[in-house]
Protein backbone atom coordinates (compact mmCIF):
# COMPACT_ATOMS: atom_id res chain seq x y z
CA MET A 1 -43.43 48.07 -46.85
CA ILE A 2 -43.50 45.23 -43.82
CA GLU A 3 -45.33 42.79 -46.56
CA ILE A 4 -42.84 43.48 -48.93
CA TYR A 5 -39.71 43.12 -46.81
CA SER A 6 -41.22 40.08 -45.34
CA ASN A 7 -41.76 38.51 -49.13
CA HIS A 8 -37.99 39.35 -50.10
CA PHE A 9 -36.23 37.41 -46.72
CA SER A 10 -38.12 34.75 -47.79
CA ARG A 11 -36.93 34.25 -51.35
CA GLN A 12 -33.32 34.91 -49.91
CA MET A 13 -34.29 32.01 -47.51
CA THR A 14 -35.57 29.46 -50.39
CA LYS A 15 -32.47 30.25 -52.91
CA ARG A 16 -29.74 29.95 -49.80
CA LYS A 17 -31.30 26.39 -48.97
CA SER A 18 -31.13 25.39 -52.45
CA GLU A 19 -27.91 26.39 -53.12
CA ASN A 20 -26.71 24.34 -50.08
CA LYS A 21 -28.35 21.01 -51.20
CA GLU A 22 -25.92 21.52 -54.16
CA THR A 23 -22.98 22.38 -52.40
CA CYS A 24 -23.32 18.90 -50.20
CA LYS A 25 -24.15 17.12 -53.51
CA ARG A 26 -21.06 18.09 -54.94
CA VAL A 27 -18.75 17.82 -51.69
CA LYS A 28 -17.90 14.49 -50.75
CA ILE A 29 -18.00 13.88 -46.99
CA HIS A 30 -14.53 12.84 -45.63
CA ARG A 31 -15.24 10.43 -42.47
CA SER A 32 -12.60 10.56 -40.24
CA ASN A 33 -11.05 7.43 -38.75
CA LEU A 34 -7.70 6.74 -35.86
CA PHE A 35 -4.90 7.27 -38.73
CA ASP A 36 -6.09 10.91 -39.08
CA LEU A 37 -5.18 11.71 -35.67
CA PRO A 38 -2.00 13.43 -34.62
CA ASN A 39 0.24 11.78 -32.54
CA GLU A 40 -0.78 14.03 -30.05
CA LEU A 41 -4.14 12.82 -29.47
CA ILE A 42 -3.06 8.81 -29.77
CA TYR A 43 -0.78 9.52 -26.71
CA GLN A 44 -3.82 11.25 -25.18
CA ILE A 45 -5.95 7.97 -25.88
CA PHE A 46 -2.49 5.82 -24.56
CA SER A 47 -2.76 7.58 -20.99
CA TYR A 48 -6.52 6.56 -20.68
CA LEU A 49 -5.10 2.58 -21.21
CA THR A 50 -3.24 0.41 -19.31
CA ASP A 51 0.00 -0.73 -21.01
CA GLY A 52 -0.94 -4.49 -21.83
CA GLU A 53 -4.06 -2.95 -23.75
CA ILE A 54 -2.00 -0.63 -25.53
CA PHE A 55 0.19 -4.10 -26.56
CA GLU A 56 -2.04 -5.70 -27.36
CA SER A 57 -4.34 -3.72 -29.63
CA PHE A 58 -2.13 -1.38 -31.32
CA VAL A 59 1.18 -3.54 -31.69
CA LYS A 60 0.87 -4.65 -35.57
CA PHE A 61 -2.10 -2.60 -35.69
CA ASP A 62 -1.49 -1.33 -38.92
CA SER A 63 0.72 -1.98 -42.49
CA THR A 64 2.69 1.10 -42.08
CA ASN A 65 4.00 0.61 -38.75
CA ARG A 66 3.11 3.89 -37.21
CA PHE A 67 1.70 2.92 -34.31
CA ASP A 68 4.59 0.41 -33.53
CA GLU A 69 6.69 3.56 -34.07
CA LEU A 70 4.59 5.14 -31.70
CA ILE A 71 4.54 2.74 -29.04
CA ARG A 72 8.74 2.29 -29.45
CA ASN A 73 8.79 5.83 -28.51
CA ARG A 74 6.57 5.46 -25.31
CA THR A 75 10.04 6.89 -22.39
CA SER A 76 7.89 4.69 -19.85
CA ILE A 77 6.58 1.11 -19.64
CA ASP A 78 4.39 -0.66 -16.99
CA PHE A 79 4.14 -4.19 -17.27
CA ARG A 80 1.37 -4.67 -14.39
CA SER A 81 -1.06 -5.54 -16.28
CA ILE A 82 0.43 -7.03 -19.43
CA ARG A 83 -0.30 -10.84 -20.00
CA ARG A 84 2.30 -14.08 -20.33
CA ILE A 85 1.36 -14.29 -24.20
CA SER A 86 1.65 -11.09 -25.07
CA PHE A 87 4.78 -10.21 -23.39
CA LYS A 88 6.37 -13.29 -24.90
CA ILE A 89 5.18 -11.82 -28.58
CA ASN A 90 5.99 -8.24 -28.19
CA SER A 91 8.68 -8.31 -25.91
CA ASN A 92 11.05 -7.03 -29.18
CA SER A 93 8.75 -3.96 -30.10
CA ILE A 94 8.02 -2.80 -26.78
CA LEU A 95 11.00 -2.63 -25.30
CA THR A 96 13.56 0.25 -27.09
CA ASN A 97 16.42 2.21 -25.94
CA SER A 98 13.93 5.39 -25.66
CA VAL A 99 12.78 3.98 -22.26
CA ARG A 100 13.45 5.36 -19.33
CA ARG A 101 10.79 3.97 -16.64
CA ILE A 102 10.49 0.52 -16.38
CA CYS A 103 7.68 -1.01 -13.84
CA LEU A 104 8.49 -4.55 -13.27
CA PHE A 105 6.45 -6.73 -10.88
CA ASN A 106 6.58 -10.29 -9.68
CA ASP A 107 3.40 -10.25 -7.79
CA GLU A 108 0.39 -12.75 -8.16
CA ILE A 109 -0.90 -11.11 -11.00
CA THR A 110 2.34 -12.04 -12.89
CA PRO A 111 4.65 -14.18 -11.23
CA SER A 112 8.26 -14.43 -12.36
CA LEU A 113 7.82 -11.65 -15.20
CA ILE A 114 11.34 -9.78 -14.21
CA ASN A 115 13.12 -13.33 -14.81
CA ALA A 116 11.34 -13.50 -18.10
CA PHE A 117 12.10 -9.80 -18.64
CA LEU A 118 15.82 -10.13 -18.27
CA SER A 119 15.79 -13.62 -20.27
CA PRO A 120 16.64 -12.66 -23.58
CA PHE A 121 19.32 -9.88 -22.24
CA GLU A 122 21.55 -11.93 -20.16
CA PHE A 123 24.57 -9.36 -19.32
CA GLN A 124 23.29 -6.57 -22.14
CA LEU A 125 20.67 -4.95 -19.92
CA LYS A 126 23.13 -1.85 -20.11
CA ARG A 127 23.19 -1.85 -23.64
CA VAL A 128 19.65 -2.22 -24.32
CA PHE A 129 18.14 0.34 -22.25
CA PRO A 130 20.77 3.03 -21.86
CA ASN A 131 18.95 5.48 -21.17
CA LEU A 132 17.11 3.49 -18.19
CA VAL A 133 16.93 6.41 -15.08
CA ASN A 134 13.94 5.17 -13.09
CA LEU A 135 13.60 1.22 -11.82
CA ILE A 136 10.07 0.05 -9.81
CA LEU A 137 10.42 -3.46 -8.46
CA ASP A 138 7.97 -5.62 -6.92
CA GLN A 139 9.01 -8.55 -4.86
CA PRO A 140 11.99 -9.56 -7.28
CA GLU A 141 13.85 -12.85 -6.65
CA GLN A 142 17.57 -12.57 -5.09
CA ASN A 143 19.75 -13.20 -8.06
CA ASP A 144 17.40 -11.18 -10.40
CA LEU A 145 17.07 -8.18 -8.03
CA ILE A 146 21.13 -8.26 -7.72
CA LYS A 147 21.78 -8.37 -11.71
CA LEU A 148 19.64 -5.32 -12.10
CA LEU A 149 21.35 -3.17 -9.90
CA ASN A 150 24.86 -4.78 -10.90
CA GLU A 151 23.68 -3.70 -14.27
CA PHE A 152 21.66 -0.15 -14.01
CA ASP A 153 24.33 1.82 -12.33
CA GLN A 154 22.95 5.00 -13.68
CA LEU A 155 20.00 4.83 -12.47
CA GLU A 156 18.31 8.21 -10.53
CA HIS A 157 15.30 6.96 -9.70
CA LEU A 158 14.79 3.45 -7.32
CA SER A 159 12.02 1.62 -6.04
CA ILE A 160 11.83 -1.74 -4.62
CA ARG A 161 8.98 -4.01 -2.51
CA LEU A 162 10.97 -6.48 -1.30
CA PRO A 163 8.74 -10.11 -0.19
CA SER A 164 7.13 -10.63 2.47
CA LEU A 165 6.24 -14.34 2.64
CA VAL A 166 10.17 -15.33 2.40
CA ARG A 167 13.00 -13.22 4.03
CA CYS A 168 16.16 -13.07 1.83
CA SER A 169 19.92 -14.31 3.93
CA SER A 170 21.86 -11.61 5.49
CA PHE A 171 24.30 -12.43 2.88
CA VAL A 172 22.27 -11.48 0.17
CA TYR A 173 20.81 -8.46 1.93
CA SER A 174 24.55 -7.40 2.30
CA ASN A 175 24.82 -7.69 -1.49
CA VAL A 176 21.89 -5.87 -2.08
CA TYR A 177 23.17 -2.64 -0.66
CA SER A 178 26.35 -2.71 -1.75
CA SER A 179 24.85 -2.99 -5.09
CA ILE A 180 22.37 -0.03 -4.27
CA CYS A 181 25.47 2.13 -3.03
CA LYS A 182 26.80 2.04 -6.77
CA CYS A 183 24.30 3.43 -8.07
CA ARG A 184 25.86 6.78 -7.17
CA ARG A 185 23.20 8.86 -9.10
CA LEU A 186 20.56 8.07 -7.42
CA LYS A 187 18.30 11.09 -6.39
CA SER A 188 14.97 8.93 -4.64
CA LEU A 189 15.57 5.35 -2.98
CA SER A 190 12.34 3.35 -1.82
CA ILE A 191 12.85 -0.05 -0.77
CA ILE A 192 9.63 -1.24 1.07
CA ASP A 193 10.44 -4.71 3.28
CA ASP A 194 9.07 -6.36 6.59
CA PRO A 195 8.13 -3.76 9.00
CA ASP A 196 9.26 -6.16 11.76
CA GLU A 197 12.73 -6.96 10.41
CA LEU A 198 15.20 -4.36 10.74
CA ILE A 199 17.62 -3.24 7.97
CA SER A 200 21.51 -3.31 8.22
CA LEU A 201 23.07 -0.43 6.22
CA PRO A 202 26.23 -0.89 4.38
CA ASP A 203 29.17 1.31 5.75
CA GLU A 204 30.14 2.81 2.49
CA LEU A 205 26.35 4.38 2.27
CA HIS A 206 26.99 7.45 0.19
CA PHE A 207 24.68 9.75 -1.83
CA VAL A 208 25.32 12.64 -2.27
CA ASP A 209 22.37 13.44 -4.81
CA LEU A 210 20.16 11.30 -2.72
CA LYS A 211 17.07 13.78 -1.94
CA HIS A 212 13.95 11.25 -1.06
CA LEU A 213 14.69 7.93 1.09
CA THR A 214 12.18 5.70 2.17
CA LEU A 215 13.54 2.81 4.02
CA GLY A 216 12.13 -0.11 6.58
CA LEU A 217 12.72 -0.81 10.26
CA LEU A 218 16.21 1.13 11.19
CA THR A 219 18.91 1.04 14.15
CA LYS A 220 19.46 4.33 15.65
CA PHE A 221 23.43 4.34 14.32
CA ASP A 222 22.01 3.13 10.73
CA LEU A 223 19.63 6.42 11.04
CA GLU A 224 22.61 8.63 11.95
CA LYS A 225 24.48 6.80 8.86
CA VAL A 226 22.00 7.85 6.51
CA LEU A 227 21.72 11.57 8.06
CA VAL A 228 25.59 11.81 7.70
CA HIS A 229 25.95 10.36 4.27
CA CYS A 230 23.19 11.52 2.83
CA SER A 231 24.27 15.05 3.26
CA ASN A 232 21.12 16.55 0.91
CA LEU A 233 18.68 14.27 2.08
CA LYS A 234 15.18 16.60 2.46
CA THR A 235 12.48 13.95 2.88
CA LEU A 236 13.24 10.51 4.73
CA LYS A 237 10.71 8.26 5.82
CA CYS A 238 11.33 4.69 8.00
CA SER A 239 10.72 3.30 10.97
CA LEU A 240 13.41 2.96 13.86
CA PHE A 241 14.01 0.30 16.15
CA VAL A 242 14.26 1.19 20.14
CA GLU A 243 16.41 -1.44 22.21
CA LYS A 244 15.23 -0.25 25.53
CA ILE A 245 11.89 1.09 27.11
CA ASN A 246 13.18 3.86 28.60
CA ASN A 247 14.96 4.77 25.07
CA ASP A 248 19.19 5.73 25.70
CA ARG A 249 19.53 9.76 24.38
CA MET A 250 20.99 10.25 21.22
CA LYS A 251 22.66 13.64 20.61
CA PHE A 252 23.59 14.48 17.09
CA SER A 253 25.84 16.95 16.65
CA PHE A 254 25.32 18.01 12.91
CA GLU A 255 22.13 19.71 11.34
CA THR A 256 20.45 18.42 8.57
CA ASN A 257 18.61 19.28 5.38
CA LEU A 258 15.92 17.39 6.00
CA ILE A 259 12.04 19.33 4.84
CA GLN A 260 9.60 16.16 5.22
CA LEU A 261 9.96 13.98 8.09
CA GLU A 262 8.09 10.21 8.64
CA VAL A 263 8.74 8.10 11.45
CA ASP A 264 7.40 5.31 12.79
CA CYS A 265 8.25 4.10 16.37
CA PRO A 266 5.37 3.38 18.47
CA ARG A 267 7.48 2.69 21.53
CA ALA A 268 9.81 5.50 21.79
CA GLU A 269 9.80 7.83 24.41
CA PHE A 270 10.04 11.52 24.06
CA GLU A 271 13.34 11.89 24.96
CA PHE A 272 14.65 10.03 22.09
CA ILE A 273 12.93 11.57 19.40
CA GLU A 274 13.82 15.04 20.88
CA SER A 275 17.50 13.79 19.84
CA ILE A 276 16.72 13.18 16.50
CA LEU A 277 14.70 16.88 16.31
CA LYS A 278 17.33 18.83 17.25
CA SER A 279 18.76 18.16 13.86
CA THR A 280 16.19 18.67 11.22
CA LYS A 281 15.65 22.60 12.31
CA LYS A 282 14.58 23.09 8.60
CA LEU A 283 11.45 20.72 9.02
CA GLU A 284 8.22 21.69 7.12
CA LYS A 285 6.05 18.67 7.39
CA LEU A 286 6.33 15.89 10.21
CA LYS A 287 4.41 13.03 11.00
CA LEU A 288 4.93 10.60 13.97
CA ILE A 289 4.08 7.24 15.87
CA CYS A 290 5.64 7.37 19.11
CA ARG A 291 4.96 7.46 23.50
CA GLY A 292 3.50 11.07 23.89
CA ILE A 293 3.66 13.40 26.66
CA ASP A 294 1.80 17.10 27.77
CA ALA A 295 0.91 18.90 25.25
CA ASN A 296 2.92 22.07 26.82
CA ILE A 297 6.66 20.24 26.42
CA TRP A 298 5.72 19.71 22.82
CA LYS A 299 4.84 23.35 22.13
CA THR A 300 7.84 24.72 23.82
CA PHE A 301 9.95 22.19 22.00
CA ILE A 302 8.66 23.22 18.45
CA GLU A 303 8.98 27.38 19.39
CA THR A 304 12.15 26.49 20.03
CA ASN A 305 13.53 23.85 17.68
CA LEU A 306 11.41 23.27 14.63
CA PRO A 307 10.29 27.30 13.78
CA ASN A 308 9.32 26.14 9.59
CA LEU A 309 6.62 23.00 11.38
CA ILE A 310 3.66 23.60 9.02
CA ASP A 311 2.14 19.88 9.10
CA PHE A 312 2.27 18.22 12.03
CA GLN A 313 0.26 14.58 12.31
CA PHE A 314 0.99 12.30 14.79
CA LYS A 315 -0.24 9.01 16.85
CA PHE A 316 0.46 9.27 20.31
CA ASP A 317 -0.04 6.82 22.61
CA ILE A 318 -0.27 8.63 26.35
CA ARG A 319 -0.34 6.98 29.51
CA LEU A 320 -0.70 10.01 31.74
CA LYS A 321 -2.24 9.33 35.50
CA ASN A 322 -3.26 13.32 35.10
CA PHE A 323 -3.23 13.43 31.42
CA ALA A 324 -5.59 16.35 29.83
CA ILE A 325 -6.69 16.87 26.17
CA GLU A 326 -7.86 19.74 26.91
CA ASN A 327 -3.91 21.01 26.40
CA TYR A 328 -3.34 19.75 22.85
CA GLN A 329 -6.70 21.73 22.10
CA THR A 330 -5.63 25.12 23.01
CA ASP A 331 -5.52 28.21 20.80
CA TRP A 332 -1.63 27.50 19.71
CA TRP A 333 -2.51 24.00 19.03
CA THR A 334 -6.29 24.82 16.82
CA LYS A 335 -6.19 28.49 15.70
CA GLU A 336 -2.76 29.25 15.43
CA LYS A 337 -1.03 26.10 13.85
CA HIS A 338 -4.39 24.30 12.98
CA TRP A 339 -3.83 20.97 13.81
CA LEU A 340 -6.92 19.06 15.53
CA VAL A 341 -6.23 16.80 18.17
CA VAL A 342 -8.21 14.57 19.38
CA HIS A 343 -8.57 11.56 22.22
CA HIS A 344 -10.13 8.04 22.11
CA PRO A 345 -11.99 7.54 25.54
CA LEU A 346 -11.29 3.80 26.08
CA SER A 347 -7.85 4.00 24.73
CA PRO A 348 -4.57 6.00 25.02
CA PHE A 349 -4.11 7.41 21.77
CA VAL A 350 -4.43 10.62 21.21
CA TYR A 351 -3.84 12.05 17.30
CA THR A 352 -4.42 14.47 14.64
CA ILE A 353 -7.33 14.82 12.30
CA PRO A 354 -6.89 12.90 10.21
CA LEU A 355 -5.58 9.61 11.56
CA ILE A 356 -2.41 9.62 9.90
CA GLU A 357 -3.15 5.20 9.78
CA THR A 358 -4.15 4.27 6.18
CA LYS A 359 -5.68 0.78 8.09
CA LEU A 360 -8.12 0.32 10.75
CA ILE A 361 -10.39 -2.30 12.98
CA PHE A 362 -13.22 -0.49 13.52
CA ASN A 363 -15.41 -2.64 16.35
CA SER A 364 -18.05 -1.65 18.76
CA ARG A 365 -15.12 -0.10 21.12
CA THR A 366 -13.45 2.21 18.45
CA ALA A 367 -16.90 3.88 17.43
CA VAL A 368 -17.59 4.72 20.93
CA ARG A 369 -15.35 7.58 20.03
CA GLN A 370 -17.85 9.02 17.74
CA GLN A 371 -20.36 9.17 20.31
CA THR A 372 -18.33 12.45 21.27
CA ASN A 373 -19.14 16.22 20.85
CA GLU A 374 -15.41 15.51 18.81
CA SER A 375 -16.69 13.94 15.60
CA PHE A 376 -14.91 15.46 12.64
CA ASP A 377 -15.30 15.13 8.88
CA GLY A 378 -12.39 13.30 7.68
CA GLU A 379 -11.69 11.56 10.67
CA TYR A 380 -10.82 8.65 8.30
CA SER A 381 -9.84 10.03 4.69
CA ASN A 382 -6.59 7.64 4.88
CA ILE A 383 -8.51 4.74 5.68
CA ARG A 384 -7.87 2.63 2.97
CA GLN A 385 -7.82 -1.59 4.59
CA LEU A 386 -10.88 -1.19 6.67
CA ILE A 387 -11.81 -4.28 8.96
CA LEU A 388 -15.16 -4.05 10.29
CA THR A 389 -16.64 -5.97 13.01
CA LEU A 390 -19.11 -3.92 14.07
CA ASN A 391 -22.76 -5.69 15.34
CA PRO A 392 -26.14 -3.76 14.86
CA LEU A 393 -25.16 -2.63 18.61
CA GLY A 394 -21.61 -0.85 17.30
CA PHE A 395 -23.66 0.86 14.63
CA LYS A 396 -26.07 3.06 17.20
CA PHE A 397 -23.14 4.78 18.33
CA CYS A 398 -22.57 5.84 15.00
CA ARG A 399 -23.86 9.32 13.08
CA ASN A 400 -26.33 8.05 10.65
CA ASP A 401 -25.95 11.39 8.89
CA GLN A 402 -21.95 11.09 8.03
CA ILE A 403 -20.01 8.94 5.97
CA TYR A 404 -16.87 7.94 8.26
CA PHE A 405 -15.03 5.78 5.60
CA PRO A 406 -14.88 7.52 2.10
CA ARG A 407 -12.03 6.50 0.28
CA VAL A 408 -11.77 2.33 1.18
CA ASP A 409 -10.21 -0.01 -1.33
CA SER A 410 -10.33 -3.28 0.72
CA LEU A 411 -13.57 -4.06 3.50
CA THR A 412 -13.67 -7.20 5.58
CA LEU A 413 -16.55 -7.78 7.28
CA ILE A 414 -15.86 -10.16 10.45
CA ASP A 415 -19.36 -11.17 11.82
CA TYR A 416 -21.39 -9.21 9.74
CA LYS A 417 -25.04 -10.06 10.96
CA ASN A 418 -27.62 -11.31 8.03
CA SER A 419 -30.36 -8.74 8.22
CA GLN A 420 -31.15 -6.03 5.81
CA LYS A 421 -31.09 -3.54 8.76
CA PRO A 422 -27.41 -3.32 8.38
CA ILE A 423 -26.93 -2.65 4.80
CA SER A 424 -28.97 0.31 5.52
CA HIS A 425 -26.52 1.32 8.30
CA LEU A 426 -23.06 0.72 6.57
CA LYS A 427 -24.07 2.65 3.15
CA THR A 428 -23.89 5.60 5.36
CA LEU A 429 -20.53 4.65 7.02
CA ILE A 430 -18.74 4.05 4.15
CA ASN A 431 -18.95 5.22 0.73
CA LEU A 432 -19.30 1.52 -0.36
CA SER A 433 -18.91 3.10 -4.74
CA THR A 434 -14.93 2.74 -3.55
CA ILE A 435 -14.46 -0.90 -2.51
CA ARG A 436 -12.58 -3.16 -4.85
CA HIS A 437 -11.62 -6.17 -2.72
CA LEU A 438 -14.14 -7.91 -0.13
CA THR A 439 -13.27 -10.65 2.47
CA ILE A 440 -16.47 -11.92 4.11
CA ASP A 441 -14.72 -13.75 7.28
CA HIS A 442 -18.56 -15.53 8.51
CA ARG A 443 -21.25 -17.37 6.47
CA MET A 444 -23.67 -14.60 4.69
CA HIS A 445 -27.40 -15.12 3.36
CA SER A 446 -27.37 -14.42 -0.56
CA THR A 447 -29.98 -11.87 -0.01
CA THR A 448 -27.71 -9.81 2.44
CA PHE A 449 -24.54 -10.46 -0.38
CA LEU A 450 -26.79 -9.08 -3.08
CA LEU A 451 -27.83 -5.79 -1.15
CA LEU A 452 -24.39 -5.37 -0.43
CA VAL A 453 -22.69 -5.66 -3.58
CA LYS A 454 -25.62 -3.83 -5.21
CA GLU A 455 -23.90 -0.47 -4.11
CA MET A 456 -20.34 -1.83 -4.63
CA THR A 457 -20.08 -0.91 -8.19
CA ASN A 458 -16.32 -1.60 -8.40
CA LEU A 459 -16.07 -4.36 -6.82
CA HIS A 460 -13.82 -6.94 -8.54
CA SER A 461 -12.08 -8.83 -6.14
CA LEU A 462 -13.36 -11.63 -3.36
CA ALA A 463 -12.19 -13.59 -0.57
CA GLY A 464 -13.35 -15.94 1.78
CA GLN A 465 -13.71 -19.87 3.21
CA ASP A 466 -15.09 -22.62 1.08
CA SER A 467 -18.29 -22.29 3.00
CA THR A 468 -18.76 -18.78 2.59
CA PHE A 469 -18.95 -18.89 -1.08
CA PHE A 470 -21.54 -21.89 -0.47
CA SER A 471 -23.59 -20.08 2.11
CA ILE A 472 -23.51 -16.81 -0.68
CA THR A 473 -24.57 -19.26 -3.23
CA LYS A 474 -27.74 -20.94 -1.60
CA LYS A 475 -25.95 -24.53 -2.12
CA PHE A 476 -24.95 -22.92 -5.62
CA GLN A 477 -28.59 -22.98 -6.23
CA ASN A 478 -28.98 -18.57 -6.60
CA ASP A 479 -28.76 -18.05 -9.80
CA LYS A 480 -28.79 -14.22 -9.15
CA VAL A 481 -25.63 -14.54 -7.02
CA LEU A 482 -24.53 -17.03 -9.98
CA SER A 483 -24.78 -14.20 -12.75
CA TYR A 484 -23.44 -11.79 -10.80
CA LEU A 485 -20.50 -13.55 -9.56
CA LYS A 486 -19.34 -14.25 -13.41
CA SER A 487 -19.71 -10.82 -14.44
CA ASN A 488 -18.14 -9.23 -11.85
CA ILE A 489 -16.06 -10.79 -9.95
CA ASP A 490 -12.21 -11.78 -12.04
CA SER A 491 -10.46 -12.04 -8.91
CA LEU A 492 -10.60 -14.58 -6.00
CA SER A 493 -8.95 -15.89 -2.48
CA ILE A 494 -10.22 -18.81 -1.14
CA CYS A 495 -9.31 -21.06 1.79
CA PRO A 496 -11.29 -24.67 1.29
CA LEU A 497 -12.24 -26.87 4.51
CA ASN A 498 -13.60 -29.81 4.36
CA ALA A 499 -15.92 -29.91 1.96
CA SER A 500 -13.25 -29.07 -0.78
CA ASN A 501 -11.88 -32.98 -0.49
CA ASP A 502 -15.09 -33.53 -2.62
CA ILE A 503 -14.44 -32.84 -5.95
CA ARG A 504 -17.89 -32.42 -6.87
CA TYR A 505 -18.35 -29.68 -4.66
CA VAL A 506 -14.69 -28.36 -6.07
CA SER A 507 -16.48 -28.51 -9.06
CA GLN A 508 -19.35 -26.50 -7.89
CA LEU A 509 -16.94 -23.34 -7.48
CA CYS A 510 -15.61 -23.62 -10.26
CA VAL A 511 -18.54 -23.34 -12.40
CA ALA A 512 -19.29 -20.61 -10.18
CA PHE A 513 -16.06 -18.87 -10.74
CA GLU A 514 -15.58 -19.90 -14.21
CA HIS A 515 -14.78 -16.41 -15.13
CA ILE A 516 -12.19 -15.97 -12.47
CA GLN A 517 -8.22 -14.72 -13.89
CA HIS A 518 -6.27 -14.71 -10.96
CA LEU A 519 -6.86 -17.11 -8.25
CA THR A 520 -5.07 -17.28 -4.88
CA LEU A 521 -5.74 -21.18 -2.97
CA THR A 522 -4.65 -22.80 -0.45
CA ILE A 523 -5.18 -26.53 -0.86
CA LYS A 524 -4.31 -29.92 2.23
CA SER A 525 -1.92 -31.42 -0.53
CA ALA A 526 -0.41 -30.93 -3.26
CA ASP A 527 -2.22 -33.39 -6.15
CA GLN A 528 -6.00 -31.19 -5.23
CA ILE A 529 -4.39 -28.43 -7.74
CA TRP A 530 -5.21 -30.29 -10.78
CA PRO A 531 -8.87 -29.65 -10.63
CA TRP A 532 -8.91 -25.75 -10.29
CA LEU A 533 -5.91 -25.81 -12.99
CA ASN A 534 -8.04 -27.74 -15.97
CA LYS A 535 -11.60 -26.80 -14.77
CA LEU A 536 -10.58 -22.32 -14.42
CA THR A 537 -9.87 -22.20 -18.51
CA ARG A 538 -9.90 -18.30 -17.98
CA LEU A 539 -7.24 -18.36 -15.16
CA ARG A 540 -3.85 -15.73 -16.16
CA SER A 541 -2.50 -16.09 -12.40
CA ALA A 542 -2.35 -18.23 -9.31
CA THR A 543 -0.76 -18.05 -6.08
CA ILE A 544 -1.13 -21.64 -4.26
CA PHE A 545 -0.26 -22.77 -1.07
CA CYS A 546 0.19 -26.37 0.04
CA ARG A 547 -0.22 -27.22 3.97
CA PHE A 548 0.85 -30.77 3.45
CA GLY A 549 3.41 -32.25 1.20
CA SER A 550 5.33 -30.03 -1.50
CA PHE A 551 4.92 -28.66 -5.33
CA THR A 552 8.76 -29.94 -6.30
CA ASP A 553 8.01 -33.24 -7.90
CA LEU A 554 4.84 -31.72 -9.37
CA ILE A 555 6.10 -29.13 -11.51
CA ASP A 556 7.87 -31.75 -13.76
CA HIS A 557 4.24 -32.37 -14.89
CA LYS A 558 4.09 -31.38 -18.49
CA TRP A 559 1.13 -29.51 -18.13
CA PHE A 560 4.32 -26.92 -16.42
CA TYR A 561 6.01 -26.26 -19.39
CA ASN A 562 4.31 -24.24 -21.43
CA VAL A 563 3.73 -21.49 -18.33
CA ASN A 564 5.98 -19.33 -16.18
CA TYR A 565 6.28 -20.56 -12.44
CA GLU A 566 7.97 -19.50 -9.55
CA LEU A 567 8.37 -22.02 -6.71
CA ARG A 568 9.22 -19.43 -3.54
CA SER A 569 9.14 -22.54 -1.14
CA ARG A 570 8.58 -25.96 -1.35
CA GLN A 571 4.86 -25.02 -0.16
CA ASP A 572 4.31 -21.60 -2.26
CA LEU A 573 4.05 -21.94 -5.66
CA ARG A 574 2.83 -18.87 -7.88
CA LEU A 575 2.08 -19.17 -11.45
CA TRP A 576 2.29 -16.85 -14.34
CA ILE A 577 -0.42 -19.18 -17.28
CA ARG A 578 -2.30 -17.17 -20.32
């Protein structure tokens, strides 16, 4: 019986195989391509690409204009990655009335982009972009900024990072803030400015719908303007200027609707901060940098005035004679509120974990705190820019089983020793795979450099003096280093010394970095610009500073006819080339 069943099963399987073969012969196999994908998947593909890549890859991609239409229907455009030639060719295709969000960057990568964006439209911006509600501007020129703000009074979200190298005049700033005040529909506003320069807000400041606000350095009087005239404000981030060390007490006779507050005011005493916080009884999140007091005073104040406070992050400068960190580490702070507070033994600073700052100078003095029993995971998880001055002795203060800096984007090495041993220490201290920009502020042996960058899998930007690159390339003779530079580095910041006066030396640097797309260069005189511009044929942008002389006469040269340039000062030239 078993044998009969087995034979029957075998015959059936043979029959099915034969039928499948015949079916495959009759059916024509259809191979899918990009055109067969639905629009939803196309947009999903777009989400993994920069706008520059989308414009260069898909505009005029097919004869049916389907992809052109998909691109034109996008509501958000970010121009930070776009090439100059791509912008000129595709400007009509990518700028449509469906756009609701635009990001324009006038930085080192795309200098003069904002002006290029404005020039075809003149005073027709509102007609061309009637639905624009979100505008992000990076380092706009003064005139361009005023023009944009005057045209787009329908904005709901506005973010501006003002130039830091050249301060605008007070007259222009007055016009800027007056123009902003015309945007009555604003729900969020962010203005990033020089942290050391005071902002003077106009008296007509009045935003009924404003919920989120980020500003630079304010006086206490301008802070009062903000809190009074922006009555529905939920989040506020700013720095405060304190005229006197003893901080004259300021009383607010009103109550705000603030939920989240960030204040940077290192010189402010508790009494000054207290007068502000008494008007923020709805506060849930507070970030604070100021002078500190005993923990019990803060505990009493929070229980009385900030009953809804959940998240409290701070850095206090405490210089009390009988200061006791234990008062910040009682059950009320650690178990009830879950606020972990530590004290650095060689400094007056007391701060919550993680440290709220994003930039840190880490040296032997700083590392001493890691020898205490208070070392916490994630203490430096917010640090994005790290300046490291540790020598081999300094590494001994750190535990070798803990990565202190997991998310550093920019790393500066100062006086880093030319030995292999510190490399192993460095790997345990920093997650090197997150480093995108490396500054080397000393001579480094080529072997040390190769060991280091082997761990930096996302590194694409280098900075240093010409002597640094002379050293790591072993006088331009180390083929492994030269091969790495050509394959991985697309951005270079270099400050040439005396050796750069030698044209042969400059030529060697240009050969070593022939694939560079973005250059930041400091030169002695304006005419020293030509070897770099002529030899670095793949340049997309350049920022060049001249120590002596001026670029004013140089830009009349025919070479500048086919590039966008911005002369921020006589000695500060920015180029948008390709």
